[in-house]
Protein backbone atom coordinates (compact mmCIF):
# COMPACT_ATOMS: atom_id res chain seq x y z
CA MET A 1 -0.19 -0.10 -0.04
CA SER A 2 1.07 3.41 -0.21
CA ALA A 3 -0.06 7.16 0.85
CA ALA A 4 1.48 10.47 0.97
CA GLY A 5 4.57 8.86 -0.87
CA ILE A 6 5.17 6.01 1.88
CA ASN A 7 5.54 2.37 0.48
CA VAL A 8 4.30 -0.20 3.46
CA THR A 9 5.02 -3.74 2.45
CA VAL A 10 4.33 -6.38 5.04
CA CYS A 11 6.23 -9.60 3.62
CA ALA A 12 5.02 -13.22 4.34
CA THR A 13 8.10 -14.87 4.52
CA TYR A 14 11.42 -14.11 5.23
CA TRP A 15 15.22 -15.81 5.11
CA VAL A 16 16.59 -15.55 8.80
CA LEU A 17 19.06 -18.16 9.84
CA VAL A 18 19.62 -18.29 13.95
CA GLY A 19 20.38 -20.72 16.50
CA PHE A 20 19.38 -21.29 20.01
CA THR A 21 20.82 -21.15 23.17
CA VAL A 22 20.46 -23.49 26.03
CA ASP A 23 21.65 -23.64 29.83
CA ALA A 24 24.56 -25.53 30.14
CA ASN A 25 27.71 -26.42 32.24
CA SER A 26 31.60 -25.81 32.01
CA SER A 27 32.07 -29.36 30.53
CA GLY A 28 29.00 -28.59 27.44
CA GLU A 29 26.75 -30.65 29.07
CA ALA A 30 23.19 -29.23 29.04
CA TYR A 31 21.09 -29.12 32.04
CA ARG A 32 17.81 -31.10 31.04
CA TRP A 33 15.16 -32.88 33.18
CA THR A 34 14.80 -36.42 33.73
CA ASN A 35 12.67 -38.48 31.77
CA ALA A 36 11.87 -35.47 29.43
CA SER A 37 9.08 -34.19 31.53
CA ALA A 38 7.83 -32.17 34.62
CA SER A 39 4.62 -32.22 36.40
CA VAL A 40 2.99 -28.53 36.66
CA GLN A 41 0.47 -27.21 39.02
CA ILE A 42 -1.56 -23.89 37.89
CA VAL A 43 -1.80 -22.46 41.54
CA SER A 44 -3.88 -19.56 40.94
CA GLY A 45 -5.08 -17.45 38.05
CA SER A 46 -4.99 -13.72 37.28
CA ASN A 47 -7.18 -11.18 39.12
CA GLU A 48 -7.60 -9.47 35.70
CA VAL A 49 -9.38 -12.33 34.24
CA SER A 50 -12.70 -13.39 35.61
CA ASP A 51 -13.90 -16.46 32.85
CA GLY A 52 -11.22 -19.00 33.76
CA SER A 53 -9.64 -18.29 30.28
CA ASP A 54 -6.36 -17.44 32.20
CA LEU A 55 -6.28 -20.82 33.40
CA VAL A 56 -7.15 -22.34 29.55
CA ALA A 57 -4.27 -20.26 28.57
CA ILE A 58 -1.88 -21.70 30.63
CA GLU A 59 -2.86 -25.15 29.84
CA GLN A 60 -2.58 -24.50 26.44
CA ALA A 61 0.81 -23.22 26.86
CA LEU A 62 1.47 -26.59 28.38
CA GLN A 63 0.65 -28.39 25.39
CA THR A 64 2.33 -26.10 22.88
CA TRP A 65 5.85 -27.67 24.04
CA SER A 66 3.98 -31.02 24.76
CA ASN A 67 3.17 -31.38 21.28
CA VAL A 68 6.39 -30.73 19.33
CA ASP A 69 6.60 -33.89 17.20
CA CYS A 70 10.23 -34.18 17.19
CA SER A 71 10.67 -33.74 21.22
CA GLY A 72 9.58 -36.04 23.78
CA PHE A 73 9.46 -33.44 26.21
CA ALA A 74 5.76 -33.28 28.13
CA PHE A 75 4.40 -31.05 30.47
CA ASN A 76 1.98 -33.04 32.92
CA GLN A 77 -0.78 -31.19 34.91
CA VAL A 78 -1.01 -32.13 38.33
CA PRO A 79 -3.59 -30.91 41.47
CA THR A 80 -0.98 -31.12 44.12
CA THR A 81 3.05 -32.00 44.70
CA PRO A 82 4.20 -30.63 41.32
CA GLN A 83 7.61 -30.29 40.31
CA VAL A 84 6.83 -26.69 38.57
CA GLU A 85 4.30 -24.15 40.04
CA VAL A 86 2.74 -21.56 38.02
CA ASP A 87 1.06 -18.75 40.25
CA PHE A 88 0.18 -15.13 39.77
CA VAL A 89 1.18 -12.73 42.45
CA SER A 90 -1.24 -10.22 43.19
CA THR A 91 -0.06 -8.32 46.28
CA ASP A 92 3.05 -8.26 48.03
CA TRP A 93 5.26 -8.53 45.07
CA PRO A 94 8.78 -8.36 45.85
CA GLY A 95 10.54 -4.97 46.04
CA TYR A 96 13.81 -6.36 44.43
CA LEU A 97 11.81 -7.52 41.52
CA ASP A 98 10.08 -3.98 41.07
CA GLY A 99 9.18 -3.59 37.42
CA ALA A 100 9.48 -7.23 36.24
CA LEU A 101 6.58 -8.29 34.74
CA GLY A 102 7.13 -11.81 35.52
CA VAL A 103 10.13 -14.43 36.97
CA THR A 104 11.06 -18.04 36.49
CA LEU A 105 13.38 -19.94 38.78
CA ARG A 106 14.83 -23.27 38.22
CA GLU A 107 16.56 -25.55 40.76
CA ARG A 108 18.76 -28.13 39.48
CA ALA A 109 21.47 -30.88 40.98
CA GLY A 110 24.35 -31.92 38.49
CA VAL A 111 22.92 -31.51 35.10
CA THR A 112 19.36 -32.27 36.20
CA TYR A 113 16.51 -29.99 36.87
CA LEU A 114 14.69 -30.68 39.89
CA SER A 115 11.91 -27.85 40.08
CA GLY A 116 10.89 -24.64 38.94
CA SER A 117 8.53 -21.68 39.41
CA ILE A 118 6.58 -18.98 37.09
CA LYS A 119 5.56 -16.15 38.96
CA LEU A 120 3.64 -13.47 37.22
CA ASN A 121 3.07 -9.88 38.38
CA ASP A 122 -0.47 -9.49 38.95
CA GLN A 123 -0.10 -6.65 41.16
CA ASP A 124 1.44 -3.89 38.73
CA PHE A 125 0.37 -5.25 35.39
CA PRO A 126 -2.78 -5.87 33.13
CA PHE A 127 -3.22 -9.43 31.67
CA GLY A 128 -5.58 -10.91 29.19
CA THR A 129 -6.24 -13.57 26.81
CA LEU A 130 -7.75 -12.14 23.55
CA GLY A 131 -4.69 -9.83 22.23
CA GLU A 132 -6.46 -6.49 23.84
CA ALA A 133 -4.62 -3.21 23.22
CA ASN A 134 -2.18 -2.70 26.06
CA VAL A 135 -2.62 -5.83 27.77
CA TYR A 136 -0.07 -8.54 28.18
CA ASP A 137 -1.40 -11.90 26.50
CA ILE A 138 -1.25 -14.70 29.48
CA GLU A 139 -0.83 -17.46 27.09
CA SER A 140 2.11 -15.90 25.14
CA ILE A 141 3.87 -14.96 28.29
CA ALA A 142 3.51 -18.45 29.40
CA VAL A 143 4.91 -20.34 26.56
CA HIS A 144 7.94 -17.99 26.92
CA GLU A 145 8.77 -18.74 30.53
CA LEU A 146 7.81 -22.76 30.00
CA GLY A 147 10.75 -22.80 27.49
CA HIS A 148 12.93 -21.53 30.25
CA VAL A 149 11.48 -24.17 32.48
CA LEU A 150 12.81 -26.84 29.81
CA GLY A 151 16.13 -25.40 29.58
CA LEU A 152 16.09 -22.72 26.76
CA GLU A 153 17.61 -19.25 27.11
CA HIS A 154 16.95 -16.87 24.76
CA THR A 155 17.84 -16.34 20.83
CA PRO A 156 18.17 -13.17 18.71
CA HIS A 157 15.87 -14.40 16.21
CA PRO A 158 12.88 -11.97 16.03
CA ALA A 159 10.21 -14.46 15.26
CA ALA A 160 11.05 -16.93 18.09
CA THR A 161 9.39 -17.40 21.06
CA MET A 162 12.50 -17.27 23.06
CA HIS A 163 13.49 -13.64 21.75
CA TYR A 164 14.40 -11.66 24.51
CA ARG A 165 11.90 -9.13 24.62
CA GLY A 166 8.27 -8.34 24.50
CA GLY A 167 5.21 -6.31 25.33
CA ARG A 168 1.68 -5.92 25.13
CA THR A 169 -0.93 -6.43 22.71
CA HIS A 170 1.05 -9.63 21.05
CA THR A 171 -0.29 -12.94 20.75
CA PHE A 172 2.25 -14.28 18.19
CA PHE A 173 4.46 -15.49 20.97
CA ARG A 174 1.93 -18.28 21.40
CA ASN A 175 3.38 -20.08 18.40
CA LEU A 176 6.60 -21.82 18.29
CA ASP A 177 9.32 -20.83 15.62
CA ASP A 178 11.36 -23.44 13.79
CA ASP A 179 14.31 -21.90 16.12
CA ASP A 180 12.20 -22.76 19.36
CA VAL A 181 11.13 -25.99 18.31
CA THR A 182 14.98 -26.89 17.14
CA GLY A 183 15.94 -26.26 20.56
CA ALA A 184 13.26 -28.48 22.19
CA CYS A 185 14.17 -31.37 19.87
CA TYR A 186 18.07 -30.69 20.73
CA LEU A 187 17.58 -31.22 24.48
CA TYR A 188 14.60 -33.70 24.15
CA PRO A 189 15.02 -35.63 21.08
CA VAL A 190 12.32 -38.39 20.29
CA LEU A 191 14.97 -40.10 18.39
CA ALA A 192 19.12 -40.14 18.58
CA PHE A 193 19.83 -36.27 17.79
CA THR A 194 21.44 -35.43 14.65
CA CYS A 195 21.95 -32.17 13.02
CA SER A 196 22.30 -31.16 9.33
CA VAL A 197 23.23 -27.38 9.68
CA ASP A 198 24.77 -25.15 12.17
CA ASN A 199 21.32 -23.80 12.90
CA ASP A 200 20.35 -26.95 14.40
CA CYS A 201 22.85 -26.66 17.07
CA PRO A 202 23.22 -24.03 20.24
CA VAL A 203 25.03 -22.12 21.52
CA LEU A 204 25.84 -23.11 25.19
CA MET A 205 25.41 -20.68 27.98
CA VAL A 206 27.88 -22.06 30.76
CA ASN A 207 27.51 -20.95 34.44
CA ARG A 208 24.62 -18.44 33.68
CA GLY A 209 26.46 -16.49 31.11
CA ALA A 210 29.89 -16.62 32.77
CA THR A 211 31.36 -18.23 29.50
CA THR A 212 29.37 -19.58 26.41
CA ILE A 213 30.48 -22.29 23.69
CA ASN A 214 28.92 -22.01 20.41
CA THR A 215 28.68 -25.44 18.27
CA TYR A 216 28.43 -25.84 14.87
CA CYS A 217 27.43 -28.92 12.73
CA ASN A 218 30.26 -31.51 12.31
CA GLY A 219 29.19 -34.70 10.54
CA GLY A 220 25.94 -35.12 12.15
CA SER A 221 26.67 -33.83 15.90
CA CYS A 222 27.30 -30.65 17.50
CA SER A 223 30.96 -29.64 17.85
CA ALA A 224 32.62 -26.41 19.73
CA GLY A 225 33.55 -23.68 16.87
CA ARG A 226 32.65 -20.87 14.90
CA THR A 227 29.50 -20.51 12.91
CA GLU A 228 28.31 -19.11 9.79
CA TYR A 229 26.08 -15.84 9.38
CA GLY A 230 23.05 -15.30 11.30
CA HIS A 231 23.73 -18.14 13.69
CA ALA A 232 23.42 -16.93 17.49
CA CYS A 233 26.58 -15.87 19.20
CA TYR A 234 28.14 -13.86 22.13
CA VAL A 235 31.90 -12.97 21.03
CA ASP A 236 33.36 -12.29 17.70
CA GLY A 237 35.06 -15.40 18.16
CA ASP A 238 31.83 -17.53 17.92
CA CYS A 239 31.89 -16.25 14.17
CA LEU A 240 33.39 -17.76 10.88
CA ASN A 241 33.89 -13.89 9.94
CA SER A 242 35.14 -12.69 13.55
CA LEU A 243 31.87 -10.45 13.33
CA CYS A 244 29.44 -10.80 16.16
CA ALA A 245 26.61 -7.99 16.67
CA SER A 246 23.52 -7.14 18.38
CA HIS A 247 20.87 -4.99 17.65
CA PRO A 248 21.34 -1.53 19.13
CA ASP A 249 18.59 -1.96 21.46
CA VAL A 250 19.58 -5.29 23.03
CA PRO A 251 19.11 -5.56 26.25
CA ASN A 252 21.79 -6.73 28.74
CA ALA A 253 20.64 -6.52 32.27
CA PRO A 254 21.67 -7.91 34.83
CA ALA A 255 25.22 -7.58 32.85
CA THR A 256 26.51 -10.94 34.01
CA VAL A 257 23.89 -12.75 31.81
CA PRO A 258 23.74 -11.19 28.28
CA ASN A 259 21.56 -11.83 25.54
CA PRO A 260 23.05 -13.04 22.55
CA GLY A 261 23.57 -11.39 19.24
CA PHE A 262 24.14 -12.49 15.69
CA CYS A 263 26.94 -13.64 13.44
CA ALA A 264 26.65 -10.62 10.77
CA ALA A 265 28.18 -9.70 7.72
CA ALA A 266 29.45 -6.75 6.04
CA CYS A 267 26.96 -5.57 3.47
CA ASP A 268 25.24 -2.87 1.07
CA THR A 269 21.64 -2.41 0.47
CA ILE A 270 21.69 -4.76 -2.28
CA ALA A 271 23.98 -7.64 -0.54
CA CYS A 272 21.67 -8.32 2.60
CA PRO A 273 19.08 -11.34 2.27
CA THR A 274 15.39 -10.94 2.62
CA GLY A 275 14.48 -10.09 5.65
CA SER A 276 17.69 -8.19 7.18
CA PHE A 277 18.79 -4.41 6.94
CA CYS A 278 22.17 -2.99 5.81
CA SER A 279 22.62 -0.72 8.64
CA ASP A 280 25.89 1.23 10.21
CA ALA A 281 24.13 1.56 13.46
CA LEU A 282 26.86 0.42 15.53
CA THR A 283 29.80 2.04 14.02
CA LEU A 284 31.93 -0.75 13.46
CA ALA A 285 35.17 -0.79 11.71
CA VAL A 286 34.03 -2.99 8.95
CA GLY A 287 31.48 -0.17 7.96
CA PRO A 288 27.57 -1.31 7.73
CA VAL A 289 26.38 -4.72 8.68
CA CYS A 290 23.13 -6.83 7.84
CA PHE A 291 20.71 -6.90 10.85
CA ILE A 292 18.48 -10.09 10.94
CA GLY A 293 14.52 -9.59 11.43
CA ALA A 294 14.37 -6.37 9.83
CA ASP A 295 11.75 -5.13 7.33
CA GLY A 296 13.22 -1.62 6.10
CA CYS A 297 14.74 -0.14 9.48
CA ILE A 298 16.77 -0.75 12.57
CA GLU A 299 16.88 2.94 14.04
CA ASP A 300 14.40 5.40 13.99
CA SER A 301 16.78 7.44 12.08
CA ASP A 302 15.92 5.03 9.10
CA CYS A 303 12.17 6.11 9.08
CA PRO A 304 10.92 8.13 6.21
CA THR A 305 10.41 11.90 7.34
CA ALA A 306 6.95 11.87 5.73
CA MET A 307 5.58 9.65 8.63
CA GLY A 308 6.14 12.55 10.95
CA THR A 309 8.42 13.11 14.09
CA ASN A 310 6.62 10.46 16.04
CA ALA A 311 7.96 7.78 13.36
CA VAL A 312 10.28 4.94 15.26
CA CYS A 313 11.82 1.78 14.23
CA ASP A 314 9.63 -0.72 16.44
CA ARG A 315 8.85 -4.15 16.78
CA ASP A 316 5.66 -4.94 14.66
CA LEU A 317 3.04 -7.25 15.36
CA ASP A 318 4.81 -10.06 13.69
CA GLY A 319 7.49 -9.66 15.74
CA TRP A 320 9.63 -7.98 13.08
CA PHE A 321 11.35 -4.26 12.87
CA ARG A 322 9.29 -1.52 10.88
CA CYS A 323 8.79 1.95 10.76
CA VAL A 324 5.77 3.00 12.54
CA ALA A 325 4.04 6.21 13.69
CA PHE A 326 3.02 6.43 17.51
CA CYS A 327 -0.11 8.34 17.82
CA VAL A 328 -2.47 9.70 20.51
CA ASN A 329 -5.69 9.93 18.22
CA ASP A 330 -6.59 9.04 14.48
CA ALA A 331 -5.35 12.29 13.16
CA ASP A 332 -2.05 11.72 13.72
CA CYS A 333 -2.35 8.92 11.33
CA ASP A 334 -3.60 11.04 8.50
CA PHE A 335 -0.14 10.33 6.44
CA LEU A 336 -1.29 6.68 6.03
CA SER A 337 -4.40 5.82 4.06
CA GLY A 338 -6.69 3.60 6.06
CA ALA A 339 -5.08 3.89 8.95
CA SER A 340 -6.11 4.44 12.52
CA CYS A 341 -4.59 5.11 15.99
CA VAL A 342 -4.87 1.70 17.98
CA GLY A 343 -3.75 1.06 21.23
CA SER A 344 -4.06 4.89 22.94
CA ASP A 345 -4.42 4.86 26.12
CA PRO A 346 -4.22 8.59 27.27
CA GLY A 347 -1.27 8.92 30.20
CA VAL A 348 -0.41 5.55 30.23
CA ALA A 349 0.68 4.25 26.14
CA ALA A 350 0.55 5.96 23.26
CA GLY A 351 -1.23 3.98 20.23
CA ARG A 352 0.46 2.82 16.99
CA CYS A 353 -0.77 3.63 13.36
CA ARG A 354 -2.43 0.52 11.81
CA VAL A 355 -3.83 -0.50 8.72
CA PRO A 356 -6.27 -2.95 9.41
CA GLY A 357 -5.66 -6.32 7.72
CA ASN A 358 -7.96 -8.44 5.39
CA LYS A 359 -9.52 -11.19 7.31
CA ALA A 360 -12.65 -11.39 8.95
CA ARG A 361 -13.74 -12.22 12.58
CA GLY A 362 -13.48 -16.10 13.11
CA VAL A 363 -10.85 -16.53 10.11
CA PRO A 364 -7.68 -18.34 11.52
CA CYS A 365 -4.74 -15.89 11.94
CA GLU A 366 -0.72 -15.82 12.75
CA ASN A 367 -0.61 -12.38 13.90
CA ALA A 368 -2.77 -9.54 14.51
CA LEU A 369 -1.38 -7.66 11.12
CA GLU A 370 -3.90 -10.02 9.03
CA CYS A 371 -6.96 -9.41 10.79
CA GLN A 372 -9.49 -6.47 10.14
CA SER A 373 -9.77 -5.90 14.00
CA LEU A 374 -6.07 -6.00 14.80
CA ILE A 375 -6.54 -8.75 17.14
CA CYS A 376 -5.55 -12.32 16.62
CA GLY A 377 -6.72 -14.52 19.65
CA GLY A 378 -8.49 -17.36 20.88
CA GLY A 379 -7.47 -20.78 21.78
CA SER A 380 -4.50 -22.71 21.12
CA PRO A 381 -3.63 -24.75 18.49
CA SER A 382 -6.32 -22.23 16.52
CA TYR A 383 -5.77 -18.46 16.75
CA CYS A 384 -8.47 -16.46 14.71
CA CYS A 385 -9.07 -12.74 14.16
CA ASP A 386 -11.25 -11.14 17.11
CA GLY A 387 -10.29 -13.87 19.06
CA SER A 388 -13.31 -15.61 18.52
CA ASP A 389 -13.80 -19.21 18.37
CA CYS A 390 -12.05 -21.06 15.66
CA THR A 391 -11.93 -24.89 16.75
CA ALA A 392 -11.94 -26.23 13.18
CA ALA A 393 -8.70 -24.34 12.30
CA VAL A 394 -5.28 -25.75 13.31
CA MET A 395 -2.56 -23.13 12.57
CA PRO A 396 0.55 -24.36 11.35
CA GLN A 397 3.32 -24.28 14.11
CA ASP A 398 5.45 -21.25 13.35
CA GLY A 399 5.18 -17.66 14.26
CA GLY A 400 6.71 -14.81 15.86
CA PRO A 401 7.86 -13.33 19.31
CA ILE A 402 6.41 -10.59 21.71
CA ASP A 403 7.01 -6.76 20.85
CA ASN A 404 8.90 -4.67 22.46
CA ARG A 405 9.07 -0.73 22.31
CA GLY A 406 8.53 0.73 25.63
CA ASN A 407 7.12 -2.68 27.32
CA ALA A 408 10.40 -4.22 26.97
CA MET A 409 10.30 -7.90 28.61
CA VAL A 410 14.05 -8.56 29.59
CA GLY A 411 14.89 -11.81 30.51
CA GLY A 412 18.06 -12.78 32.64
CA CYS A 413 19.21 -15.42 34.60
CA SER A 414 21.50 -15.48 38.09
CA THR A 415 22.68 -18.51 39.94
CA THR A 416 22.95 -19.55 43.78
CA PRO A 417 25.26 -22.24 44.81
CA SER A 418 24.44 -26.11 44.63
CA PRO A 419 21.58 -27.21 44.16
CA LEU A 420 21.78 -24.40 41.50
CA LEU A 421 19.19 -21.98 41.31
CA SER A 422 18.50 -20.08 38.07
CA VAL A 423 16.17 -16.96 38.37
CA CYS A 424 14.96 -15.49 34.47
CA VAL A 425 13.46 -12.00 35.09
CA LEU A 426 10.88 -11.09 32.62
CA GLY A 427 10.82 -6.86 33.12
CA ASN A 428 9.14 -4.03 31.56
CA THR A 429 10.07 -0.52 31.21
CA LEU A 430 7.52 2.07 31.30
CA LEU A 431 10.11 5.07 31.16
CA TRP A 432 10.44 4.71 27.57
CA TRP A 433 6.87 5.57 26.85
CA ARG A 434 7.02 8.54 29.37
CA ARG A 435 9.91 9.82 27.08
CA ARG A 436 8.35 9.30 23.98
CA ARG A 437 4.99 10.88 24.96
CA ARG A 438 6.77 13.93 26.09
CA ARG A 439 8.35 13.86 22.31
CA MET A 440 5.29 13.66 20.83
CA ALA A 441 3.76 16.29 23.12
CA ALA A 442 6.72 18.74 21.95
């Protein structure tokens, strides 16, 4: 579509190669659950949801990981004495976790996980199940946190459930991407694990990020060594071309548990594969590099001036970086034909100028961009526009991550002595919104 000289294109498929990251010891042994299973009790639901759909959303998240064909792992729901508890905390959220949306804890001995716990901050943040504007989708958050329970860490893949950033409104974290599936099947393969490409192999996060071990596919098995363009990395030495790059917005908090970057490549605007964007945002000695998961921008300055001063490079509703414009009302979106201001909540959050998709209520969807209502929700494995029932529809097992810009879920983990306890925090930053709103009002 085009308006006022602006071309807006949303592509259906992208070329992105990224490896996953798993929790491991100094010998390169990944931590796992015994017998590829863990029992789970849903201790409580959210005070924000009264119809029981919050509990259903968590049950569906459990099934998402249990239904991966090449993985033998299964979550088993139990009424008492579980190995893993999922709980909404509505009062007395710990002060040391102030600003965190949720936290995942894993206790282990040796290379075996013993127990786990997911706590969601029902005291400070709004939760929902239908993909409503400015509300956190319970199922999406639960799928991500349960991935940590399995032993998966963060990935730089922008279309993966285990991506390190997220935010309100989005439901596409519910669907596992190939990157997430590959990680589950590496940890808990139905058959003996074999690899065919580097991206079948993980980056091993040792001792909660104290060191990392990059691996590549070597004759069907994963060996320590350098990897190709697009693979996850932590240092330049992880990459064949000695260039590990991160998005300029990548969170590395706490500093002792960094989030992964990706093996980059020097570029010009022609050389970057589809789904990558050539940018000099990092001012590297090699010059501009291709950034994965970017559809037209990597920084605000990449956005066309015709979009106005409120244009930013933001994570879109399918997880990819695109130029979008923040708004307070529909008049702010006049530059884009057919657009309206969606999700504006004065004093809380700015909206975004959105052009509705072409799918009607009840039609299966993978992300909200496809829908006339700009809401994709419902029950796993079926997601439909407007969040309405679509039990006959079965969506393919791919999708995207949660958004960030102003509502960042920043994950980080730490450990305590044996039996080891990993703590993964899902945070939220509201200050960015306040700064952005001041900019809009100026």
